[in-house]
Protein backbone atom coordinates (compact mmCIF):
# COMPACT_ATOMS: atom_id res chain seq x y z
CA MET A 1 68.12 -38.37 -129.10
CA ASN A 2 69.27 -35.12 -130.50
CA LEU A 3 68.93 -31.56 -129.09
CA LYS A 4 66.33 -30.71 -132.06
CA THR A 5 64.23 -33.85 -131.14
CA LEU A 6 64.47 -33.20 -127.37
CA LEU A 7 63.27 -29.38 -127.82
CA GLY A 8 60.49 -30.54 -130.06
CA GLY A 9 59.19 -32.90 -127.68
CA THR A 10 59.33 -30.53 -124.78
CA THR A 11 57.63 -27.92 -126.63
CA ALA A 12 54.86 -30.34 -127.67
CA ALA A 13 54.69 -31.35 -124.10
CA ILE A 14 54.27 -27.77 -122.88
CA ALA A 15 51.77 -26.99 -125.49
CA GLY A 16 49.64 -30.07 -124.46
CA VAL A 17 49.73 -28.77 -120.77
CA VAL A 18 48.59 -25.31 -121.95
CA LEU A 19 45.68 -26.68 -124.00
CA GLY A 20 44.63 -29.03 -121.28
CA ASN A 21 44.60 -26.29 -118.72
CA ARG A 22 42.66 -24.03 -121.22
CA TYR A 23 40.17 -26.81 -121.81
CA LEU A 24 39.62 -27.31 -118.16
CA ALA A 25 39.11 -23.65 -117.36
CA ALA A 26 36.62 -23.63 -120.17
CA ARG A 27 34.72 -26.52 -118.53
CA ALA A 28 34.42 -24.69 -115.14
CA GLU A 29 31.12 -22.78 -114.79
CA PRO A 30 30.46 -20.11 -112.28
CA LEU A 31 29.47 -21.67 -109.03
CA GLU A 32 25.96 -21.33 -107.92
CA ASN A 33 25.04 -20.85 -104.25
CA PRO A 34 24.26 -24.65 -103.18
CA LEU A 35 22.72 -23.51 -99.91
CA LEU A 36 19.24 -22.41 -98.66
CA GLY A 37 19.24 -18.90 -97.59
CA GLU A 38 20.56 -15.24 -98.37
CA GLU A 39 23.83 -14.81 -99.86
CA ARG A 40 25.93 -11.92 -98.38
CA THR A 41 29.46 -10.48 -98.88
CA TYR A 42 31.87 -9.51 -96.11
CA ARG A 43 34.65 -7.28 -97.32
CA TRP A 44 37.88 -8.18 -95.78
CA ARG A 45 41.35 -6.99 -96.66
CA GLY A 46 40.48 -6.24 -100.27
CA MET A 47 38.56 -9.49 -100.81
CA ASP A 48 34.75 -10.34 -101.02
CA VAL A 49 34.07 -13.27 -98.87
CA THR A 50 30.77 -14.84 -99.46
CA TYR A 51 28.56 -16.38 -96.78
CA THR A 52 25.07 -17.56 -96.75
CA VAL A 53 22.49 -16.79 -93.80
CA ALA A 54 19.55 -18.92 -93.21
CA GLY A 55 17.02 -18.96 -90.41
CA ASP A 56 15.33 -16.27 -88.19
CA GLU A 57 17.40 -13.18 -87.83
CA ASP A 58 16.54 -13.13 -84.11
CA ALA A 59 17.55 -16.74 -83.56
CA PRO A 60 21.02 -17.57 -81.91
CA ASP A 61 24.04 -17.64 -84.36
CA LEU A 62 25.38 -20.70 -85.76
CA VAL A 63 28.48 -20.31 -87.90
CA LEU A 64 29.60 -23.26 -89.95
CA CYS A 65 33.25 -23.26 -91.22
CA HIS A 66 34.17 -25.91 -93.85
CA GLY A 67 37.28 -28.09 -93.94
CA ILE A 68 40.35 -27.64 -96.23
CA HIS A 69 40.93 -29.38 -99.36
CA ALA A 70 41.14 -28.78 -103.24
CA GLY A 71 37.56 -28.48 -103.70
CA ALA A 72 36.56 -27.28 -100.31
CA SER A 73 33.38 -24.98 -99.90
CA SER A 74 30.53 -24.28 -97.63
CA HIS A 75 28.65 -27.00 -99.73
CA GLU A 76 30.13 -29.32 -97.01
CA PHE A 77 27.32 -28.35 -94.85
CA GLU A 78 24.43 -28.70 -97.35
CA PRO A 79 22.98 -31.57 -95.73
CA ILE A 80 22.39 -29.89 -92.40
CA VAL A 81 21.75 -26.30 -93.16
CA GLU A 82 17.84 -26.50 -93.60
CA SER A 83 17.28 -28.32 -90.41
CA LEU A 84 19.54 -26.11 -88.43
CA ALA A 85 17.89 -23.18 -89.73
CA GLU A 86 14.67 -24.12 -88.00
CA ARG A 87 16.23 -23.24 -84.66
CA TYR A 88 19.05 -21.04 -85.37
CA ARG A 89 20.45 -18.15 -87.60
CA VAL A 90 22.88 -20.42 -89.72
CA ILE A 91 25.81 -18.44 -91.22
CA ALA A 92 27.71 -20.89 -93.59
CA VAL A 93 30.91 -19.09 -94.95
CA ASP A 94 33.14 -19.71 -97.99
CA LEU A 95 36.69 -19.17 -96.41
CA PRO A 96 38.98 -16.89 -98.61
CA GLY A 97 40.43 -18.73 -101.45
CA PHE A 98 37.51 -21.21 -101.61
CA GLY A 99 33.98 -21.56 -102.96
CA ARG A 100 32.30 -18.34 -104.08
CA SER A 101 34.84 -16.12 -102.19
CA ASP A 102 37.64 -14.23 -103.76
CA ARG A 103 40.80 -16.26 -104.64
CA PRO A 104 43.60 -13.74 -104.92
CA PRO A 105 47.28 -15.12 -105.62
CA LEU A 106 48.13 -14.62 -102.00
CA VAL A 107 50.45 -16.80 -100.00
CA TYR A 108 47.81 -18.37 -97.80
CA SER A 109 48.72 -19.11 -94.13
CA ASP A 110 47.18 -20.38 -90.88
CA GLY A 111 47.60 -17.05 -89.54
CA LEU A 112 45.44 -15.47 -92.35
CA TYR A 113 42.70 -17.64 -91.63
CA VAL A 114 42.86 -17.12 -87.90
CA GLU A 115 42.68 -13.38 -88.30
CA PHE A 116 39.67 -13.87 -90.75
CA LEU A 117 37.75 -15.86 -88.40
CA ARG A 118 38.50 -13.56 -85.57
CA GLU A 119 37.46 -10.47 -87.44
CA PHE A 120 34.42 -12.10 -89.34
CA LEU A 121 32.87 -13.60 -85.94
CA ARG A 122 33.37 -10.17 -84.16
CA ASP A 123 31.82 -8.07 -87.08
CA GLU A 124 29.04 -10.42 -88.32
CA THR A 125 27.71 -12.41 -85.41
CA ASP A 126 26.61 -12.13 -81.87
CA THR A 127 28.17 -14.68 -79.43
CA PRO A 128 28.10 -17.51 -81.98
CA ILE A 129 28.05 -21.12 -81.85
CA VAL A 130 31.01 -22.05 -84.23
CA VAL A 131 31.03 -25.46 -85.94
CA ALA A 132 34.53 -26.11 -87.66
CA SER A 133 35.75 -29.21 -89.54
CA SER A 134 39.15 -30.56 -89.81
CA LEU A 135 42.13 -28.14 -90.17
CA THR A 136 39.63 -25.16 -89.64
CA GLY A 137 39.03 -26.34 -86.30
CA ALA A 138 42.47 -25.34 -85.30
CA PHE A 139 42.01 -22.08 -86.75
CA ALA A 140 38.74 -21.71 -84.85
CA VAL A 141 40.49 -22.38 -81.71
CA GLN A 142 43.19 -19.79 -82.32
CA ALA A 143 40.62 -17.46 -83.03
CA ALA A 144 38.64 -17.87 -80.08
CA SER A 145 41.70 -17.83 -77.56
CA ASP A 146 42.93 -14.72 -75.70
CA ASP A 147 41.34 -11.58 -77.06
CA GLY A 148 39.04 -13.34 -79.72
CA PRO A 149 35.30 -12.62 -80.07
CA ALA A 150 33.00 -13.90 -77.47
CA LEU A 151 31.52 -17.32 -78.52
CA GLU A 152 28.84 -19.64 -77.14
CA ARG A 153 30.35 -22.64 -77.84
CA LEU A 154 32.85 -24.65 -80.09
CA VAL A 155 31.91 -27.83 -82.09
CA LEU A 156 34.94 -29.31 -83.76
CA ILE A 157 34.65 -32.24 -86.30
CA CYS A 158 37.71 -34.26 -86.50
CA PRO A 159 40.07 -31.34 -85.85
CA LEU A 160 43.78 -31.45 -86.57
CA ALA A 161 46.50 -28.94 -86.43
CA SER A 162 49.10 -30.54 -88.57
CA THR A 163 49.09 -32.46 -91.80
CA GLY A 164 52.72 -33.36 -91.83
CA ASP A 165 55.84 -31.68 -92.46
CA GLU A 166 55.93 -28.57 -94.46
CA ARG A 167 57.04 -28.69 -98.08
CA PRO A 168 57.19 -25.10 -99.28
CA TRP A 169 58.65 -26.00 -102.72
CA VAL A 170 55.32 -27.77 -103.42
CA ARG A 171 53.56 -24.51 -102.99
CA THR A 172 56.07 -22.76 -105.33
CA LEU A 173 55.50 -25.67 -108.01
CA LEU A 174 51.71 -25.51 -107.90
CA ARG A 175 51.76 -21.71 -108.26
CA ALA A 176 53.83 -21.83 -111.35
CA PRO A 177 51.88 -20.64 -114.32
CA VAL A 178 51.75 -23.53 -116.75
CA VAL A 179 53.15 -26.63 -115.14
CA GLY A 180 51.88 -25.86 -111.80
CA THR A 181 48.41 -25.32 -113.03
CA GLY A 182 48.92 -28.63 -114.91
CA LEU A 183 49.69 -30.44 -111.84
CA PHE A 184 47.10 -28.90 -109.72
CA ASN A 185 44.55 -29.88 -112.33
CA VAL A 186 45.80 -33.60 -111.85
CA LEU A 187 45.33 -33.26 -108.09
CA ALA A 188 42.02 -31.55 -108.49
CA SER A 189 40.76 -33.93 -111.19
CA ARG A 190 37.53 -35.61 -110.76
CA PRO A 191 39.01 -39.07 -109.99
CA ALA A 192 41.41 -37.35 -107.21
CA ILE A 193 38.39 -35.60 -105.79
CA ARG A 194 36.38 -38.80 -105.44
CA TYR A 195 39.48 -40.63 -103.99
CA PHE A 196 39.58 -38.09 -101.39
CA TYR A 197 35.90 -38.65 -100.39
CA ASP A 198 36.41 -42.29 -100.69
CA ARG A 199 39.36 -42.50 -98.60
CA ASP A 200 38.88 -39.80 -95.99
CA GLY A 201 35.35 -38.43 -96.56
CA TYR A 202 32.75 -41.09 -96.33
CA TYR A 203 32.56 -44.60 -94.56
CA ASP A 204 30.35 -45.93 -97.42
CA ASP A 205 30.97 -44.67 -100.72
CA ASN A 206 27.42 -45.20 -101.76
CA ARG A 207 26.48 -42.37 -99.56
CA ILE A 208 28.85 -39.82 -101.86
CA ASP A 209 26.37 -37.58 -103.79
CA GLU A 210 27.54 -37.04 -107.40
CA ALA A 211 26.25 -33.50 -107.28
CA GLU A 212 28.67 -33.01 -104.25
CA LEU A 213 31.42 -34.48 -106.27
CA GLU A 214 30.61 -32.18 -109.31
CA TYR A 215 30.42 -29.04 -106.90
CA ALA A 216 33.86 -29.76 -105.30
CA TRP A 217 35.33 -30.23 -108.95
CA GLN A 218 33.76 -26.94 -110.28
CA SER A 219 34.83 -25.14 -106.97
CA ALA A 220 38.50 -26.31 -107.51
CA HIS A 221 38.60 -25.00 -110.92
CA GLN A 222 37.41 -21.38 -110.52
CA PRO A 223 39.83 -18.76 -111.48
CA GLY A 224 42.49 -18.62 -108.66
CA GLY A 225 41.44 -21.93 -107.27
CA LYS A 226 44.90 -23.51 -106.98
CA TYR A 227 46.51 -20.65 -104.72
CA ALA A 228 44.91 -21.62 -101.23
CA PRO A 229 45.09 -25.46 -102.05
CA ALA A 230 48.72 -24.98 -102.86
CA SER A 231 49.55 -23.79 -99.42
CA PHE A 232 47.42 -26.67 -98.03
CA ALA A 233 49.33 -29.29 -100.12
CA ALA A 234 52.57 -27.80 -98.98
CA GLY A 235 51.70 -28.05 -95.44
CA THR A 236 52.11 -24.29 -94.85
CA LEU A 237 48.53 -23.92 -93.65
CA ASP A 238 49.11 -26.00 -90.70
CA ALA A 239 48.73 -24.43 -87.31
CA ASP A 240 51.81 -23.96 -85.31
CA ILE A 241 50.16 -24.97 -81.94
CA ASP A 242 49.77 -28.07 -79.65
CA LEU A 243 45.98 -28.39 -80.10
CA ALA A 244 45.43 -30.12 -76.71
CA THR A 245 47.07 -27.45 -74.83
CA GLU A 246 45.33 -24.83 -76.59
CA LEU A 247 41.91 -26.56 -76.00
CA ALA A 248 42.77 -27.25 -72.35
CA ALA A 249 43.51 -23.34 -71.82
CA LEU A 250 40.08 -22.27 -73.86
CA GLU A 251 37.51 -20.85 -71.68
CA VAL A 252 34.88 -21.52 -74.46
CA PRO A 253 32.79 -24.88 -73.88
CA THR A 254 33.95 -27.21 -76.58
CA THR A 255 32.59 -30.34 -78.08
CA LEU A 256 34.64 -32.94 -80.18
CA VAL A 257 32.71 -34.77 -82.80
CA TRP A 258 34.47 -37.63 -84.47
CA GLY A 259 33.72 -40.38 -87.01
CA ARG A 260 34.26 -43.93 -85.45
CA ASP A 261 36.14 -45.03 -88.53
CA ALA A 262 38.25 -41.79 -89.42
CA ASP A 263 41.67 -42.70 -90.48
CA LEU A 264 43.09 -39.28 -91.35
CA VAL A 265 42.78 -38.18 -87.82
CA SER A 266 41.84 -41.37 -85.87
CA LEU A 267 39.42 -41.89 -83.11
CA ARG A 268 42.14 -42.74 -80.96
CA ASP A 269 43.48 -39.25 -81.61
CA GLY A 270 40.11 -37.82 -80.60
CA ARG A 271 40.08 -39.69 -77.35
CA ASP A 272 43.73 -38.42 -76.67
CA LEU A 273 42.56 -34.94 -77.41
CA ALA A 274 39.34 -35.17 -75.15
CA ASP A 275 41.24 -36.56 -72.41
CA ALA A 276 44.17 -34.26 -72.46
CA ALA A 277 41.55 -31.26 -72.53
CA ASP A 278 38.86 -32.71 -70.63
CA LEU A 279 36.40 -32.24 -73.26
CA GLU A 280 33.10 -34.16 -74.42
CA LEU A 281 33.70 -36.34 -77.23
CA VAL A 282 30.88 -37.50 -79.33
CA VAL A 283 31.37 -40.52 -81.67
CA ILE A 284 29.13 -41.29 -84.63
CA ASP A 285 29.19 -44.71 -85.99
CA TYR A 286 29.80 -45.82 -89.65
CA ALA A 287 31.35 -42.40 -90.45
CA THR A 288 35.02 -40.99 -91.03
CA GLN A 289 36.04 -37.26 -91.51
CA LEU A 290 32.66 -36.11 -92.67
CA PRO A 291 29.99 -37.49 -90.16
CA HIS A 292 27.80 -34.35 -90.63
CA ALA A 293 27.43 -34.99 -94.29
CA GLU A 294 27.23 -38.70 -94.29
CA HIS A 295 24.76 -38.98 -91.31
CA PRO A 296 23.17 -35.45 -91.06
CA GLU A 297 20.21 -36.52 -88.95
CA LYS A 298 22.53 -38.05 -86.45
CA PHE A 299 25.03 -35.40 -86.34
CA ILE A 300 22.09 -32.90 -85.64
CA GLU A 301 20.62 -35.09 -82.91
CA TYR A 302 23.99 -35.07 -81.15
CA LEU A 303 24.84 -31.34 -81.79
CA GLU A 304 21.37 -29.98 -80.66
CA ALA A 305 21.94 -32.11 -77.36
CA ALA A 306 25.00 -30.54 -76.52
CA LEU A 307 23.84 -26.97 -77.41
CA PRO A 308 21.68 -24.46 -75.34
CA ARG A 309 18.06 -24.91 -75.90
CA THR A 310 16.49 -22.26 -78.03
CA ASP A 311 12.89 -22.84 -77.39
CA GLY A 312 12.73 -20.82 -74.18
């Protein structure tokens, strides 16, 4: 192959990636708020962070913090918001870099999310119950420690502090303008998102809602959508803590919730964590990483059994 042919093929390939990126960007529509309630904005470090409030303003605050993945957003809690709003002032937040919140080209880190949660909870809530999923559970634990805001209780759904070794080169690659966007579009494609929900989200793939998959795809392809997931894929959002040690030292009452068939963070890990920190562990059958989405009624039943009564 001569140089002219090679250059021609490379140029054509790059042009194809550019066109593909533009096509997918054009297909992504502005996200609608998927949740019942009033949408509000919290201004934080130059970003508009979106959250939704549902329920009686005088009821106890209950904050829902979604997990981290390419299509992550507060939509994760759509199956339980309406029911919880009957007894609580429910606050579901789109973390910076996700959902309907701003997505500036920052180098996202665990420290950024810990500080965000600490300040958001202090400014926008009053001694809340905090429900946090997956990696965000570790952020919530750190936010609640030491001089953090006063919390009524933590409920952590399959929490983890580490996703593996750090790979900062992955973040650099995904943040690249053309090739990086093309690679991210592959990682956040509809088949890839479905694979994530099939493998790690749901025990029974028949329970996966097509509207949920579409919302996750749309969320992933919002302007700036690759920056926070790039840090996640690189492992640079991992919390530099021993989760069991941090939980054992935490003064906030804490409940762990696990899907019995979780694989990414197994039930054995959950039992080890509960034993090490002397915590209550609630196990939901026929569920993996998203027991609250797959079995919302059962999740709410267990959740409300663990929480303070609100009926006087």
